[in-house]
N, C-alpha and C. Protein backbone atom coordinates (compact mmCIF):
# COMPACT_ATOMS: atom_id res chain seq x y z
N MET A 1 92.62 101.50 86.17
CA MET A 1 92.19 102.44 87.20
C MET A 1 92.84 103.80 86.92
N THR A 2 92.05 104.82 87.04
CA THR A 2 92.57 106.16 86.79
C THR A 2 93.37 106.65 87.98
N ARG A 3 94.12 107.69 87.73
CA ARG A 3 94.91 108.29 88.80
C ARG A 3 94.02 108.77 89.95
N HIS A 4 92.87 109.34 89.60
CA HIS A 4 91.92 109.81 90.62
C HIS A 4 91.39 108.63 91.44
N ALA A 5 91.08 107.53 90.76
CA ALA A 5 90.58 106.34 91.46
C ALA A 5 91.66 105.75 92.34
N ASP A 6 92.91 105.76 91.88
CA ASP A 6 94.03 105.27 92.69
C ASP A 6 94.15 106.08 93.97
N ARG A 7 94.09 107.40 93.84
CA ARG A 7 94.22 108.27 95.00
C ARG A 7 93.04 108.07 95.95
N ALA A 8 91.86 107.89 95.40
CA ALA A 8 90.68 107.66 96.23
C ALA A 8 90.85 106.36 97.03
N GLN A 9 91.42 105.34 96.42
CA GLN A 9 91.64 104.07 97.12
C GLN A 9 92.67 104.24 98.23
N VAL A 10 93.74 104.97 97.94
CA VAL A 10 94.76 105.24 98.96
C VAL A 10 94.13 105.97 100.14
N LEU A 11 93.29 106.93 99.88
CA LEU A 11 92.67 107.69 100.96
C LEU A 11 91.72 106.82 101.78
N LYS A 12 91.03 105.89 101.16
CA LYS A 12 90.17 104.96 101.90
C LYS A 12 91.03 104.07 102.82
N GLU A 13 92.10 103.55 102.28
CA GLU A 13 93.00 102.71 103.08
C GLU A 13 93.66 103.53 104.19
N ALA A 14 93.98 104.79 103.88
CA ALA A 14 94.60 105.68 104.88
C ALA A 14 93.63 105.99 106.01
N TRP A 15 92.37 106.08 105.72
CA TRP A 15 91.37 106.37 106.75
C TRP A 15 91.36 105.25 107.79
N ILE A 16 91.44 104.02 107.32
CA ILE A 16 91.51 102.86 108.22
C ILE A 16 92.86 102.88 108.96
N GLY A 17 93.94 103.10 108.22
CA GLY A 17 95.27 103.12 108.82
C GLY A 17 95.41 104.19 109.88
N ASP A 18 94.78 105.34 109.68
CA ASP A 18 94.81 106.41 110.67
C ASP A 18 94.17 105.95 111.97
N ALA A 19 93.06 105.23 111.86
CA ALA A 19 92.39 104.73 113.06
C ALA A 19 93.26 103.71 113.80
N VAL A 20 93.91 102.84 113.05
CA VAL A 20 94.80 101.83 113.65
C VAL A 20 95.98 102.52 114.34
N LEU A 21 96.57 103.50 113.67
CA LEU A 21 97.70 104.23 114.24
C LEU A 21 97.28 104.98 115.50
N SER A 22 96.11 105.60 115.49
CA SER A 22 95.63 106.31 116.67
C SER A 22 95.41 105.36 117.84
N LEU A 23 94.83 104.20 117.57
CA LEU A 23 94.63 103.21 118.63
C LEU A 23 95.98 102.76 119.19
N HIS A 24 96.92 102.48 118.31
CA HIS A 24 98.26 102.08 118.76
C HIS A 24 98.88 103.15 119.64
N ALA A 25 98.80 104.40 119.21
CA ALA A 25 99.41 105.50 119.96
C ALA A 25 98.79 105.61 121.35
N ARG A 26 97.48 105.55 121.43
CA ARG A 26 96.81 105.70 122.73
C ARG A 26 97.14 104.54 123.66
N LEU A 27 97.12 103.33 123.12
CA LEU A 27 97.46 102.16 123.95
C LEU A 27 98.90 102.23 124.44
N LYS A 28 99.80 102.62 123.56
CA LYS A 28 101.23 102.71 123.92
C LYS A 28 101.45 103.75 125.01
N ILE A 29 100.81 104.90 124.88
CA ILE A 29 100.97 105.97 125.87
C ILE A 29 100.41 105.51 127.22
N LEU A 30 99.24 104.91 127.20
CA LEU A 30 98.66 104.44 128.47
C LEU A 30 99.53 103.35 129.10
N ARG A 31 100.02 102.43 128.29
CA ARG A 31 100.84 101.33 128.80
C ARG A 31 102.18 101.84 129.34
N GLU A 32 102.83 102.72 128.61
CA GLU A 32 104.19 103.14 128.98
C GLU A 32 104.22 104.34 129.92
N ASP A 33 103.29 105.27 129.76
CA ASP A 33 103.31 106.49 130.57
C ASP A 33 102.26 106.48 131.67
N GLY A 34 101.23 105.65 131.50
CA GLY A 34 100.18 105.53 132.50
C GLY A 34 99.26 106.73 132.60
N VAL A 35 99.27 107.58 131.60
CA VAL A 35 98.43 108.78 131.61
C VAL A 35 97.80 108.98 130.24
N ILE A 36 96.75 109.79 130.22
CA ILE A 36 96.17 110.23 128.95
C ILE A 36 96.95 111.47 128.53
N ASP A 37 97.61 111.38 127.39
CA ASP A 37 98.44 112.49 126.90
C ASP A 37 98.07 112.74 125.44
N GLY A 38 97.04 113.57 125.25
CA GLY A 38 96.56 113.86 123.91
C GLY A 38 97.58 114.54 123.03
N GLN A 39 98.40 115.39 123.62
CA GLN A 39 99.42 116.08 122.82
C GLN A 39 100.45 115.10 122.28
N LYS A 40 100.85 114.15 123.10
CA LYS A 40 101.81 113.14 122.63
C LYS A 40 101.17 112.28 121.56
N ALA A 41 99.93 111.89 121.75
CA ALA A 41 99.22 111.11 120.73
C ALA A 41 99.13 111.90 119.43
N ASP A 42 98.86 113.18 119.53
CA ASP A 42 98.80 114.02 118.33
C ASP A 42 100.16 114.06 117.62
N ARG A 43 101.24 114.18 118.39
CA ARG A 43 102.57 114.20 117.78
C ARG A 43 102.87 112.88 117.08
N MET A 44 102.43 111.78 117.68
CA MET A 44 102.73 110.45 117.15
C MET A 44 101.92 110.13 115.89
N THR A 45 100.82 110.82 115.68
CA THR A 45 99.95 110.51 114.55
C THR A 45 99.85 111.66 113.55
N SER A 46 100.57 112.73 113.78
CA SER A 46 100.44 113.92 112.93
C SER A 46 101.05 113.69 111.54
N ASN A 47 100.53 114.41 110.58
CA ASN A 47 101.10 114.35 109.23
C ASN A 47 102.54 114.84 109.24
N GLN A 48 102.85 115.81 110.10
CA GLN A 48 104.22 116.30 110.19
C GLN A 48 105.16 115.17 110.59
N PHE A 49 104.78 114.39 111.60
CA PHE A 49 105.61 113.25 112.00
C PHE A 49 105.66 112.20 110.90
N LEU A 50 104.51 111.84 110.36
CA LEU A 50 104.47 110.78 109.35
C LEU A 50 105.26 111.15 108.10
N SER A 51 105.37 112.44 107.79
CA SER A 51 106.10 112.86 106.60
C SER A 51 107.59 112.59 106.71
N VAL A 52 108.09 112.36 107.92
CA VAL A 52 109.50 111.98 108.10
C VAL A 52 109.74 110.61 107.48
N TYR A 53 108.72 109.76 107.56
CA TYR A 53 108.85 108.40 107.03
C TYR A 53 108.54 108.35 105.54
N SER A 54 107.44 108.98 105.14
CA SER A 54 106.97 108.93 103.76
C SER A 54 105.80 109.89 103.64
N ASP A 55 105.13 109.89 102.50
CA ASP A 55 103.90 110.65 102.36
C ASP A 55 102.91 110.17 103.42
N PRO A 56 102.35 111.07 104.24
CA PRO A 56 101.49 110.64 105.34
C PRO A 56 100.33 109.74 104.90
N SER A 57 99.66 110.08 103.82
CA SER A 57 98.54 109.25 103.36
C SER A 57 99.02 107.88 102.92
N GLU A 58 100.16 107.82 102.27
CA GLU A 58 100.71 106.53 101.84
C GLU A 58 101.09 105.67 103.04
N THR A 59 101.66 106.30 104.06
CA THR A 59 102.04 105.57 105.28
C THR A 59 100.80 105.03 105.97
N GLU A 60 99.80 105.88 106.13
CA GLU A 60 98.56 105.42 106.76
C GLU A 60 97.88 104.34 105.92
N ALA A 61 97.93 104.48 104.60
CA ALA A 61 97.33 103.47 103.72
C ALA A 61 98.04 102.13 103.89
N GLU A 62 99.36 102.16 104.01
CA GLU A 62 100.11 100.93 104.23
C GLU A 62 99.66 100.25 105.53
N ILE A 63 99.50 101.03 106.57
CA ILE A 63 99.02 100.49 107.85
C ILE A 63 97.62 99.89 107.65
N GLY A 64 96.77 100.61 106.92
CA GLY A 64 95.43 100.12 106.67
C GLY A 64 95.41 98.82 105.89
N ARG A 65 96.27 98.71 104.89
CA ARG A 65 96.36 97.47 104.10
C ARG A 65 96.83 96.30 104.95
N ILE A 66 97.84 96.55 105.77
CA ILE A 66 98.34 95.48 106.65
C ILE A 66 97.25 95.04 107.60
N TYR A 67 96.56 96.00 108.19
CA TYR A 67 95.46 95.67 109.10
C TYR A 67 94.40 94.82 108.40
N GLN A 68 93.98 95.23 107.22
CA GLN A 68 92.92 94.51 106.52
C GLN A 68 93.38 93.12 106.06
N ARG A 69 94.63 93.00 105.71
CA ARG A 69 95.16 91.72 105.21
C ARG A 69 95.54 90.78 106.35
N ASP A 70 96.23 91.32 107.38
CA ASP A 70 96.86 90.46 108.38
C ASP A 70 96.38 90.68 109.80
N GLY A 71 95.56 91.70 110.03
CA GLY A 71 95.01 91.93 111.36
C GLY A 71 95.75 92.97 112.17
N LEU A 72 95.17 93.25 113.33
CA LEU A 72 95.69 94.29 114.20
C LEU A 72 97.09 94.02 114.73
N PRO A 73 97.40 92.80 115.20
CA PRO A 73 98.76 92.57 115.69
C PRO A 73 99.84 92.85 114.64
N ALA A 74 99.58 92.47 113.41
CA ALA A 74 100.56 92.71 112.33
C ALA A 74 100.72 94.20 112.07
N ALA A 75 99.61 94.93 112.08
CA ALA A 75 99.68 96.37 111.86
C ALA A 75 100.44 97.05 113.00
N PHE A 76 100.16 96.63 114.23
CA PHE A 76 100.88 97.19 115.38
C PHE A 76 102.37 96.86 115.29
N GLU A 77 102.70 95.67 114.86
CA GLU A 77 104.12 95.29 114.73
C GLU A 77 104.81 96.17 113.70
N TRP A 78 104.15 96.44 112.57
CA TRP A 78 104.71 97.30 111.54
C TRP A 78 104.97 98.70 112.11
N ILE A 79 104.01 99.22 112.85
CA ILE A 79 104.16 100.55 113.47
C ILE A 79 105.34 100.54 114.44
N GLU A 80 105.44 99.50 115.25
CA GLU A 80 106.54 99.40 116.23
C GLU A 80 107.90 99.36 115.54
N ARG A 81 108.00 98.63 114.45
CA ARG A 81 109.29 98.50 113.75
C ARG A 81 109.65 99.73 112.94
N ARG A 82 108.68 100.34 112.28
CA ARG A 82 108.97 101.40 111.34
C ARG A 82 108.84 102.81 111.89
N LEU A 83 107.81 103.05 112.67
CA LEU A 83 107.52 104.42 113.09
C LEU A 83 107.98 104.74 114.51
N VAL A 84 107.82 103.79 115.42
CA VAL A 84 108.14 104.07 116.82
C VAL A 84 109.60 104.48 117.03
N PRO A 85 110.58 103.81 116.41
CA PRO A 85 111.96 104.26 116.63
C PRO A 85 112.19 105.71 116.22
N VAL A 86 111.60 106.13 115.12
CA VAL A 86 111.73 107.51 114.67
C VAL A 86 111.05 108.45 115.66
N PHE A 87 109.87 108.08 116.12
CA PHE A 87 109.14 108.91 117.08
C PHE A 87 109.93 109.04 118.38
N GLU A 88 110.48 107.94 118.85
CA GLU A 88 111.23 107.99 120.12
C GLU A 88 112.47 108.89 120.00
N ARG A 89 113.12 108.86 118.86
CA ARG A 89 114.26 109.78 118.65
C ARG A 89 113.79 111.22 118.66
N GLN A 90 112.68 111.49 118.00
CA GLN A 90 112.15 112.87 118.00
C GLN A 90 111.76 113.33 119.39
N GLU A 91 111.15 112.44 120.16
CA GLU A 91 110.75 112.81 121.53
C GLU A 91 111.98 113.06 122.39
N ALA A 92 113.02 112.26 122.23
CA ALA A 92 114.26 112.47 123.00
C ALA A 92 114.86 113.83 122.65
N ASN A 93 114.87 114.17 121.37
CA ASN A 93 115.40 115.47 120.94
C ASN A 93 114.53 116.61 121.46
N ARG A 94 113.25 116.41 121.49
CA ARG A 94 112.33 117.44 121.97
C ARG A 94 112.54 117.73 123.45
N ARG A 95 112.91 116.72 124.21
CA ARG A 95 113.12 116.89 125.66
C ARG A 95 114.48 117.50 125.99
N LYS A 96 115.40 117.50 125.04
CA LYS A 96 116.73 118.08 125.31
C LYS A 96 116.59 119.60 125.49
N PRO A 97 117.35 120.13 126.45
CA PRO A 97 117.32 121.59 126.62
C PRO A 97 117.89 122.28 125.39
N ASN A 98 117.35 123.43 125.07
CA ASN A 98 117.83 124.18 123.93
C ASN A 98 119.16 124.81 124.29
N ARG A 99 120.19 124.40 123.62
CA ARG A 99 121.56 124.86 123.93
C ARG A 99 121.91 126.18 123.27
N HIS A 100 121.03 126.68 122.43
CA HIS A 100 121.35 127.90 121.68
C HIS A 100 120.71 129.14 122.30
N LYS A 101 120.35 129.07 123.54
CA LYS A 101 119.75 130.24 124.20
C LYS A 101 120.79 131.20 124.65
């Protein structure tokens, strides 16, 4: 497989993984916050956030592969273990008052 074909496969898997991650984010926000919060969902699924963990496309592709191989519960579990703790730390820091004013 060529490098171009490899990247194309990663992007296909990432497209699925992005959908799984978006569904997880929306369900989590509704379950925990009880509101529709598009900005929070955007923060949780953004490339900027995902780049903290790894290359965003690679991270989404990993989610996509897990989903296709093991199903939605396994993909959600991976997100909960790997991404949610980082996101929760970022959200806690975001809510802290800026002390340098």
